[in-house]
Amino acid sequence: MSWRAIVSNVAVSDTRPRAAAIQLDLYRKAGPSRRAQIAVELSDAVRETTLAGIRRRHPDYTAEEVKADFLRIVYRVGE
């Protein structure tokens, strides 16, 4: 399945349809390097949000335990 099919099937409930259409149009108009930059920024944001959630739920975790939980959540390592 292509990424376009995946993206078109994902409902974003916190974005109004008109705003989503504008955002999609901007993504389509962006060049390959800008789209890659956006992908990296989004990936970084998701990683940081996931790590923050782990730390909030488990304030007693060491850095290694946070890393292990991250790998379990994101990549299903250790399951």
PDB file of N, CA and C in Angstrom:
ATOM      1  N   MET A   1       0.851  -1.177   0.000  1.00  0.00           N
ATOM      2  CA  MET A   1       0.000   0.000   0.000  1.00  0.00           C
ATOM      3  C   MET A   1       0.895   1.238   0.000  1.00  0.00           C
ATOM      4  N   SER A   2       0.576   2.187  -0.819  1.00  0.00           N
ATOM      5  CA  SER A   2       1.399   3.394  -0.906  1.00  0.00           C
ATOM      6  C   SER A   2       1.124   4.310   0.281  1.00  0.00           C
ATOM      7  N   TRP A   3       2.073   5.216   0.545  1.00  0.00           N
ATOM      8  CA  TRP A   3       1.879   6.161   1.650  1.00  0.00           C
ATOM      9  C   TRP A   3       0.697   7.064   1.376  1.00  0.00           C
ATOM     10  N   ARG A   4       0.426   7.348   0.092  1.00  0.00           N
ATOM     11  CA  ARG A   4      -0.731   8.202  -0.229  1.00  0.00           C
ATOM     12  C   ARG A   4      -2.037   7.524   0.176  1.00  0.00           C
ATOM     13  N   ALA A   5      -2.115   6.219  -0.057  1.00  0.00           N
ATOM     14  CA  ALA A   5      -3.320   5.488   0.329  1.00  0.00           C
ATOM     15  C   ALA A   5      -3.469   5.477   1.841  1.00  0.00           C
ATOM     16  N   ILE A   6      -2.360   5.330   2.538  1.00  0.00           N
ATOM     17  CA  ILE A   6      -2.403   5.325   4.000  1.00  0.00           C
ATOM     18  C   ILE A   6      -2.835   6.685   4.515  1.00  0.00           C
ATOM     19  N   VAL A   7      -2.216   7.751   4.007  1.00  0.00           N
ATOM     20  CA  VAL A   7      -2.530   9.104   4.461  1.00  0.00           C
ATOM     21  C   VAL A   7      -3.975   9.465   4.142  1.00  0.00           C
ATOM     22  N   SER A   8      -4.445   9.079   2.972  1.00  0.00           N
ATOM     23  CA  SER A   8      -5.812   9.443   2.604  1.00  0.00           C
ATOM     24  C   SER A   8      -6.852   8.707   3.431  1.00  0.00           C
ATOM     25  N   ASN A   9      -6.477   7.590   4.056  1.00  0.00           N
ATOM     26  CA  ASN A   9      -7.412   6.819   4.869  1.00  0.00           C
ATOM     27  C   ASN A   9      -7.354   7.173   6.344  1.00  0.00           C
ATOM     28  N   VAL A  10      -6.452   8.067   6.723  1.00  0.00           N
ATOM     29  CA  VAL A  10      -6.302   8.441   8.123  1.00  0.00           C
ATOM     30  C   VAL A  10      -7.161   9.665   8.398  1.00  0.00           C
ATOM     31  N   ALA A  11      -8.025   9.542   9.368  1.00  0.00           N
ATOM     32  CA  ALA A  11      -8.868  10.669   9.757  1.00  0.00           C
ATOM     33  C   ALA A  11      -8.178  11.426  10.888  1.00  0.00           C
ATOM     34  N   VAL A  12      -7.991  12.713  10.675  1.00  0.00           N
ATOM     35  CA  VAL A  12      -7.389  13.549  11.706  1.00  0.00           C
ATOM     36  C   VAL A  12      -8.521  14.342  12.337  1.00  0.00           C
ATOM     37  N   SER A  13      -8.881  13.958  13.540  1.00  0.00           N
ATOM     38  CA  SER A  13     -10.071  14.529  14.154  1.00  0.00           C
ATOM     39  C   SER A  13      -9.864  15.935  14.703  1.00  0.00           C
ATOM     40  N   ASP A  14      -8.619  16.345  14.904  1.00  0.00           N
ATOM     41  CA  ASP A  14      -8.401  17.670  15.473  1.00  0.00           C
ATOM     42  C   ASP A  14      -8.094  18.724  14.411  1.00  0.00           C
ATOM     43  N   THR A  15      -8.229  18.388  13.138  1.00  0.00           N
ATOM     44  CA  THR A  15      -7.978  19.330  12.053  1.00  0.00           C
ATOM     45  C   THR A  15      -9.245  19.487  11.233  1.00  0.00           C
ATOM     46  N   ARG A  16      -9.656  20.721  11.054  1.00  0.00           N
ATOM     47  CA  ARG A  16     -10.853  20.967  10.245  1.00  0.00           C
ATOM     48  C   ARG A  16     -10.580  20.578   8.792  1.00  0.00           C
ATOM     49  N   PRO A  17     -11.594  20.126   8.084  1.00  0.00           N
ATOM     50  CA  PRO A  17     -11.398  19.670   6.703  1.00  0.00           C
ATOM     51  C   PRO A  17     -10.714  20.703   5.805  1.00  0.00           C
ATOM     52  N   ARG A  18     -11.082  21.960   5.933  1.00  0.00           N
ATOM     53  CA  ARG A  18     -10.466  23.000   5.081  1.00  0.00           C
ATOM     54  C   ARG A  18      -8.986  23.157   5.414  1.00  0.00           C
ATOM     55  N   ALA A  19      -8.653  23.135   6.697  1.00  0.00           N
ATOM     56  CA  ALA A  19      -7.250  23.241   7.095  1.00  0.00           C
ATOM     57  C   ALA A  19      -6.468  22.022   6.617  1.00  0.00           C
ATOM     58  N   ALA A  20      -7.061  20.835   6.708  1.00  0.00           N
ATOM     59  CA  ALA A  20      -6.398  19.620   6.240  1.00  0.00           C
ATOM     60  C   ALA A  20      -6.154  19.685   4.736  1.00  0.00           C
ATOM     61  N   ALA A  21      -7.113  20.221   3.994  1.00  0.00           N
ATOM     62  CA  ALA A  21      -6.953  20.352   2.542  1.00  0.00           C
ATOM     63  C   ALA A  21      -5.820  21.317   2.200  1.00  0.00           C
ATOM     64  N   ILE A  22      -5.730  22.410   2.922  1.00  0.00           N
ATOM     65  CA  ILE A  22      -4.646  23.382   2.698  1.00  0.00           C
ATOM     66  C   ILE A  22      -3.302  22.743   3.034  1.00  0.00           C
ATOM     67  N   GLN A  23      -3.248  22.029   4.146  1.00  0.00           N
ATOM     68  CA  GLN A  23      -2.007  21.371   4.552  1.00  0.00           C
ATOM     69  C   GLN A  23      -1.579  20.345   3.507  1.00  0.00           C
ATOM     70  N   LEU A  24      -2.497  19.544   3.025  1.00  0.00           N
ATOM     71  CA  LEU A  24      -2.194  18.554   2.005  1.00  0.00           C
ATOM     72  C   LEU A  24      -1.699  19.228   0.728  1.00  0.00           C
ATOM     73  N   ASP A  25      -2.314  20.325   0.350  1.00  0.00           N
ATOM     74  CA  ASP A  25      -1.885  21.064  -0.837  1.00  0.00           C
ATOM     75  C   ASP A  25      -0.456  21.583  -0.664  1.00  0.00           C
ATOM     76  N   LEU A  26      -0.144  22.086   0.519  1.00  0.00           N
ATOM     77  CA  LEU A  26       1.225  22.559   0.779  1.00  0.00           C
ATOM     78  C   LEU A  26       2.227  21.409   0.713  1.00  0.00           C
ATOM     79  N   TYR A  27       1.867  20.253   1.250  1.00  0.00           N
ATOM     80  CA  TYR A  27       2.748  19.085   1.165  1.00  0.00           C
ATOM     81  C   TYR A  27       2.978  18.694  -0.295  1.00  0.00           C
ATOM     82  N   ARG A  28       1.925  18.715  -1.065  1.00  0.00           N
ATOM     83  CA  ARG A  28       2.046  18.335  -2.483  1.00  0.00           C
ATOM     84  C   ARG A  28       2.928  19.316  -3.249  1.00  0.00           C
ATOM     85  N   LYS A  29       2.865  20.589  -2.897  1.00  0.00           N
ATOM     86  CA  LYS A  29       3.657  21.612  -3.586  1.00  0.00           C
ATOM     87  C   LYS A  29       5.109  21.651  -3.124  1.00  0.00           C
ATOM     88  N   ALA A  30       5.381  21.089  -1.972  1.00  0.00           N
ATOM     89  CA  ALA A  30       6.740  21.097  -1.432  1.00  0.00           C
ATOM     90  C   ALA A  30       7.627  20.174  -2.281  1.00  0.00           C
ATOM     91  N   GLY A  31       8.872  20.565  -2.401  1.00  0.00           N
ATOM     92  CA  GLY A  31       9.822  19.727  -3.114  1.00  0.00           C
ATOM     93  C   GLY A  31      10.223  18.527  -2.272  1.00  0.00           C
ATOM     94  N   PRO A  32      10.936  17.591  -2.883  1.00  0.00           N
ATOM     95  CA  PRO A  32      11.341  16.382  -2.170  1.00  0.00           C
ATOM     96  C   PRO A  32      12.159  16.660  -0.909  1.00  0.00           C
ATOM     97  N   SER A  33      13.072  17.615  -0.962  1.00  0.00           N
ATOM     98  CA  SER A  33      13.891  17.881   0.223  1.00  0.00           C
ATOM     99  C   SER A  33      13.049  18.481   1.347  1.00  0.00           C
ATOM    100  N   ARG A  34      12.079  19.321   1.016  1.00  0.00           N
ATOM    101  CA  ARG A  34      11.204  19.892   2.053  1.00  0.00           C
ATOM    102  C   ARG A  34      10.321  18.816   2.657  1.00  0.00           C
ATOM    103  N   ARG A  35       9.805  17.914   1.817  1.00  0.00           N
ATOM    104  CA  ARG A  35       8.972  16.825   2.341  1.00  0.00           C
ATOM    105  C   ARG A  35       9.793  15.908   3.246  1.00  0.00           C
ATOM    106  N   ALA A  36      11.033  15.664   2.870  1.00  0.00           N
ATOM    107  CA  ALA A  36      11.908  14.846   3.725  1.00  0.00           C
ATOM    108  C   ALA A  36      12.153  15.553   5.052  1.00  0.00           C
ATOM    109  N   GLN A  37      12.364  16.866   5.007  1.00  0.00           N
ATOM    110  CA  GLN A  37      12.580  17.645   6.234  1.00  0.00           C
ATOM    111  C   GLN A  37      11.349  17.570   7.125  1.00  0.00           C
ATOM    112  N   ILE A  38      10.167  17.694   6.542  1.00  0.00           N
ATOM    113  CA  ILE A  38       8.918  17.607   7.307  1.00  0.00           C
ATOM    114  C   ILE A  38       8.798  16.222   7.948  1.00  0.00           C
ATOM    115  N   ALA A  39       9.124  15.178   7.190  1.00  0.00           N
ATOM    116  CA  ALA A  39       9.040  13.809   7.714  1.00  0.00           C
ATOM    117  C   ALA A  39       9.971  13.632   8.907  1.00  0.00           C
ATOM    118  N   VAL A  40      11.181  14.162   8.807  1.00  0.00           N
ATOM    119  CA  VAL A  40      12.139  14.057   9.915  1.00  0.00           C
ATOM    120  C   VAL A  40      11.619  14.819  11.133  1.00  0.00           C
ATOM    121  N   GLU A  41      11.095  16.026  10.915  1.00  0.00           N
ATOM    122  CA  GLU A  41      10.569  16.818  12.030  1.00  0.00           C
ATOM    123  C   GLU A  41       9.395  16.119  12.705  1.00  0.00           C
ATOM    124  N   LEU A  42       8.509  15.527  11.916  1.00  0.00           N
ATOM    125  CA  LEU A  42       7.372  14.802  12.493  1.00  0.00           C
ATOM    126  C   LEU A  42       7.844  13.572  13.253  1.00  0.00           C
ATOM    127  N   SER A  43       8.810  12.868  12.692  1.00  0.00           N
ATOM    128  CA  SER A  43       9.368  11.692  13.370  1.00  0.00           C
ATOM    129  C   SER A  43      10.005  12.085  14.700  1.00  0.00           C
ATOM    130  N   ASP A  44      10.764  13.172  14.700  1.00  0.00           N
ATOM    131  CA  ASP A  44      11.374  13.663  15.942  1.00  0.00           C
ATOM    132  C   ASP A  44      10.305  14.012  16.977  1.00  0.00           C
ATOM    133  N   ALA A  45       9.241  14.665  16.519  1.00  0.00           N
ATOM    134  CA  ALA A  45       8.170  15.069  17.435  1.00  0.00           C
ATOM    135  C   ALA A  45       7.483  13.852  18.050  1.00  0.00           C
ATOM    136  N   VAL A  46       7.224  12.837  17.239  1.00  0.00           N
ATOM    137  CA  VAL A  46       6.584  11.618  17.745  1.00  0.00           C
ATOM    138  C   VAL A  46       7.505  10.921  18.738  1.00  0.00           C
ATOM    139  N   ARG A  47       8.796  10.832  18.413  1.00  0.00           N
ATOM    140  CA  ARG A  47       9.749  10.187  19.320  1.00  0.00           C
ATOM    141  C   ARG A  47       9.799  10.922  20.655  1.00  0.00           C
ATOM    142  N   GLU A  48       9.910  12.245  20.620  1.00  0.00           N
ATOM    143  CA  GLU A  48       9.981  13.028  21.860  1.00  0.00           C
ATOM    144  C   GLU A  48       8.686  12.925  22.668  1.00  0.00           C
ATOM    145  N   THR A  49       7.561  12.900  21.998  1.00  0.00           N
ATOM    146  CA  THR A  49       6.277  12.757  22.684  1.00  0.00           C
ATOM    147  C   THR A  49       6.173  11.381  23.351  1.00  0.00           C
ATOM    148  N   THR A  50       6.616  10.351  22.652  1.00  0.00           N
ATOM    149  CA  THR A  50       6.591   9.001  23.207  1.00  0.00           C
ATOM    150  C   THR A  50       7.504   8.901  24.426  1.00  0.00           C
ATOM    151  N   LEU A  51       8.713   9.428  24.309  1.00  0.00           N
ATOM    152  CA  LEU A  51       9.651   9.391  25.434  1.00  0.00           C
ATOM    153  C   LEU A  51       9.110  10.177  26.632  1.00  0.00           C
ATOM    154  N   ALA A  52       8.517  11.333  26.376  1.00  0.00           N
ATOM    155  CA  ALA A  52       7.947  12.135  27.465  1.00  0.00           C
ATOM    156  C   ALA A  52       6.814  11.376  28.156  1.00  0.00           C
ATOM    157  N   GLY A  53       6.002  10.666  27.368  1.00  0.00           N
ATOM    158  CA  GLY A  53       4.915   9.886  27.952  1.00  0.00           C
ATOM    159  C   GLY A  53       5.432   8.763  28.834  1.00  0.00           C
ATOM    160  N   ILE A  54       6.492   8.109  28.371  1.00  0.00           N
ATOM    161  CA  ILE A  54       7.089   7.035  29.184  1.00  0.00           C
ATOM    162  C   ILE A  54       7.617   7.613  30.489  1.00  0.00           C
ATOM    163  N   ARG A  55       8.341   8.720  30.386  1.00  0.00           N
ATOM    164  CA  ARG A  55       8.905   9.336  31.601  1.00  0.00           C
ATOM    165  C   ARG A  55       7.814   9.807  32.559  1.00  0.00           C
ATOM    166  N   ARG A  56       6.712  10.314  32.020  1.00  0.00           N
ATOM    167  CA  ARG A  56       5.611  10.780  32.868  1.00  0.00           C
ATOM    168  C   ARG A  56       4.935   9.608  33.581  1.00  0.00           C
ATOM    169  N   ARG A  57       4.743   8.506  32.853  1.00  0.00           N
ATOM    170  CA  ARG A  57       4.110   7.329  33.453  1.00  0.00           C
ATOM    171  C   ARG A  57       5.027   6.570  34.395  1.00  0.00           C
ATOM    172  N   HIS A  58       6.335   6.687  34.165  1.00  0.00           N
ATOM    173  CA  HIS A  58       7.307   5.926  34.960  1.00  0.00           C
ATOM    174  C   HIS A  58       8.459   6.826  35.405  1.00  0.00           C
ATOM    175  N   PRO A  59       8.196   7.760  36.312  1.00  0.00           N
ATOM    176  CA  PRO A  59       9.246   8.701  36.720  1.00  0.00           C
ATOM    177  C   PRO A  59      10.440   8.024  37.390  1.00  0.00           C
ATOM    178  N   ASP A  60      10.259   6.790  37.823  1.00  0.00           N
ATOM    179  CA  ASP A  60      11.346   6.060  38.483  1.00  0.00           C
ATOM    180  C   ASP A  60      12.250   5.318  37.498  1.00  0.00           C
ATOM    181  N   TYR A  61      11.890   5.280  36.222  1.00  0.00           N
ATOM    182  CA  TYR A  61      12.693   4.564  35.231  1.00  0.00           C
ATOM    183  C   TYR A  61      14.052   5.218  35.033  1.00  0.00           C
ATOM    184  N   THR A  62      15.063   4.374  34.847  1.00  0.00           N
ATOM    185  CA  THR A  62      16.383   4.863  34.456  1.00  0.00           C
ATOM    186  C   THR A  62      16.339   5.170  32.955  1.00  0.00           C
ATOM    187  N   ALA A  63      17.387   5.805  32.455  1.00  0.00           N
ATOM    188  CA  ALA A  63      17.464   6.098  31.022  1.00  0.00           C
ATOM    189  C   ALA A  63      17.387   4.811  30.202  1.00  0.00           C
ATOM    190  N   GLU A  64      18.016   3.757  30.685  1.00  0.00           N
ATOM    191  CA  GLU A  64      17.986   2.473  29.974  1.00  0.00           C
ATOM    192  C   GLU A  64      16.577   1.877  29.953  1.00  0.00           C
ATOM    193  N   GLU A  65      15.850   2.012  31.048  1.00  0.00           N
ATOM    194  CA  GLU A  65      14.477   1.498  31.095  1.00  0.00           C
ATOM    195  C   GLU A  65      13.566   2.295  30.175  1.00  0.00           C
ATOM    196  N   VAL A  66      13.771   3.600  30.101  1.00  0.00           N
ATOM    197  CA  VAL A  66      12.990   4.434  29.175  1.00  0.00           C
ATOM    198  C   VAL A  66      13.264   3.983  27.747  1.00  0.00           C
ATOM    199  N   LYS A  67      14.541   3.780  27.433  1.00  0.00           N
ATOM    200  CA  LYS A  67      14.915   3.332  26.085  1.00  0.00           C
ATOM    201  C   LYS A  67      14.296   1.975  25.772  1.00  0.00           C
ATOM    202  N   ALA A  68      14.358   1.043  26.703  1.00  0.00           N
ATOM    203  CA  ALA A  68      13.792  -0.290  26.491  1.00  0.00           C
ATOM    204  C   ALA A  68      12.286  -0.222  26.276  1.00  0.00           C
ATOM    205  N   ASP A  69      11.599   0.605  27.059  1.00  0.00           N
ATOM    206  CA  ASP A  69      10.145   0.749  26.901  1.00  0.00           C
ATOM    207  C   ASP A  69       9.814   1.388  25.558  1.00  0.00           C
ATOM    208  N   PHE A  70      10.610   2.383  25.149  1.00  0.00           N
ATOM    209  CA  PHE A  70      10.420   3.014  23.842  1.00  0.00           C
ATOM    210  C   PHE A  70      10.540   1.972  22.729  1.00  0.00           C
ATOM    211  N   LEU A  71      11.585   1.163  22.779  1.00  0.00           N
ATOM    212  CA  LEU A  71      11.787   0.140  21.756  1.00  0.00           C
ATOM    213  C   LEU A  71      10.653  -0.877  21.759  1.00  0.00           C
ATOM    214  N   ARG A  72      10.142  -1.198  22.946  1.00  0.00           N
ATOM    215  CA  ARG A  72       9.020  -2.129  23.038  1.00  0.00           C
ATOM    216  C   ARG A  72       7.768  -1.536  22.407  1.00  0.00           C
ATOM    217  N   ILE A  73       7.500  -0.268  22.719  1.00  0.00           N
ATOM    218  CA  ILE A  73       6.291   0.392  22.201  1.00  0.00           C
ATOM    219  C   ILE A  73       6.369   0.592  20.696  1.00  0.00           C
ATOM    220  N   VAL A  74       7.475   1.140  20.228  1.00  0.00           N
ATOM    221  CA  VAL A  74       7.587   1.527  18.824  1.00  0.00           C
ATOM    222  C   VAL A  74       7.917   0.351  17.899  1.00  0.00           C
ATOM    223  N   TYR A  75       8.846  -0.496  18.334  1.00  0.00           N
ATOM    224  CA  TYR A  75       9.332  -1.568  17.458  1.00  0.00           C
ATOM    225  C   TYR A  75       8.988  -2.968  17.944  1.00  0.00           C
ATOM    226  N   ARG A  76       8.250  -3.052  19.066  1.00  0.00           N
ATOM    227  CA  ARG A  76       7.848  -4.330  19.655  1.00  0.00           C
ATOM    228  C   ARG A  76       9.042  -5.204  19.999  1.00  0.00           C
ATOM    229  N   VAL A  77      10.141  -4.556  20.366  1.00  0.00           N
ATOM    230  CA  VAL A  77      11.344  -5.273  20.790  1.00  0.00           C
ATOM    231  C   VAL A  77      11.105  -5.816  22.188  1.00  0.00           C
ATOM    232  N   GLY A  78      11.437  -7.066  22.412  1.00  0.00           N
ATOM    233  CA  GLY A  78      11.319  -7.659  23.726  1.00  0.00           C
ATOM    234  C   GLY A  78       9.961  -8.226  24.049  1.00  0.00           C
ATOM    235  N   GLU A  79       9.054  -8.232  23.097  1.00  0.00           N
ATOM    236  CA  GLU A  79       7.722  -8.795  23.354  1.00  0.00           C
ATOM    237  C   GLU A  79       7.730 -10.279  23.120  1.00  0.00           C
TER     238      GLU A  79
END
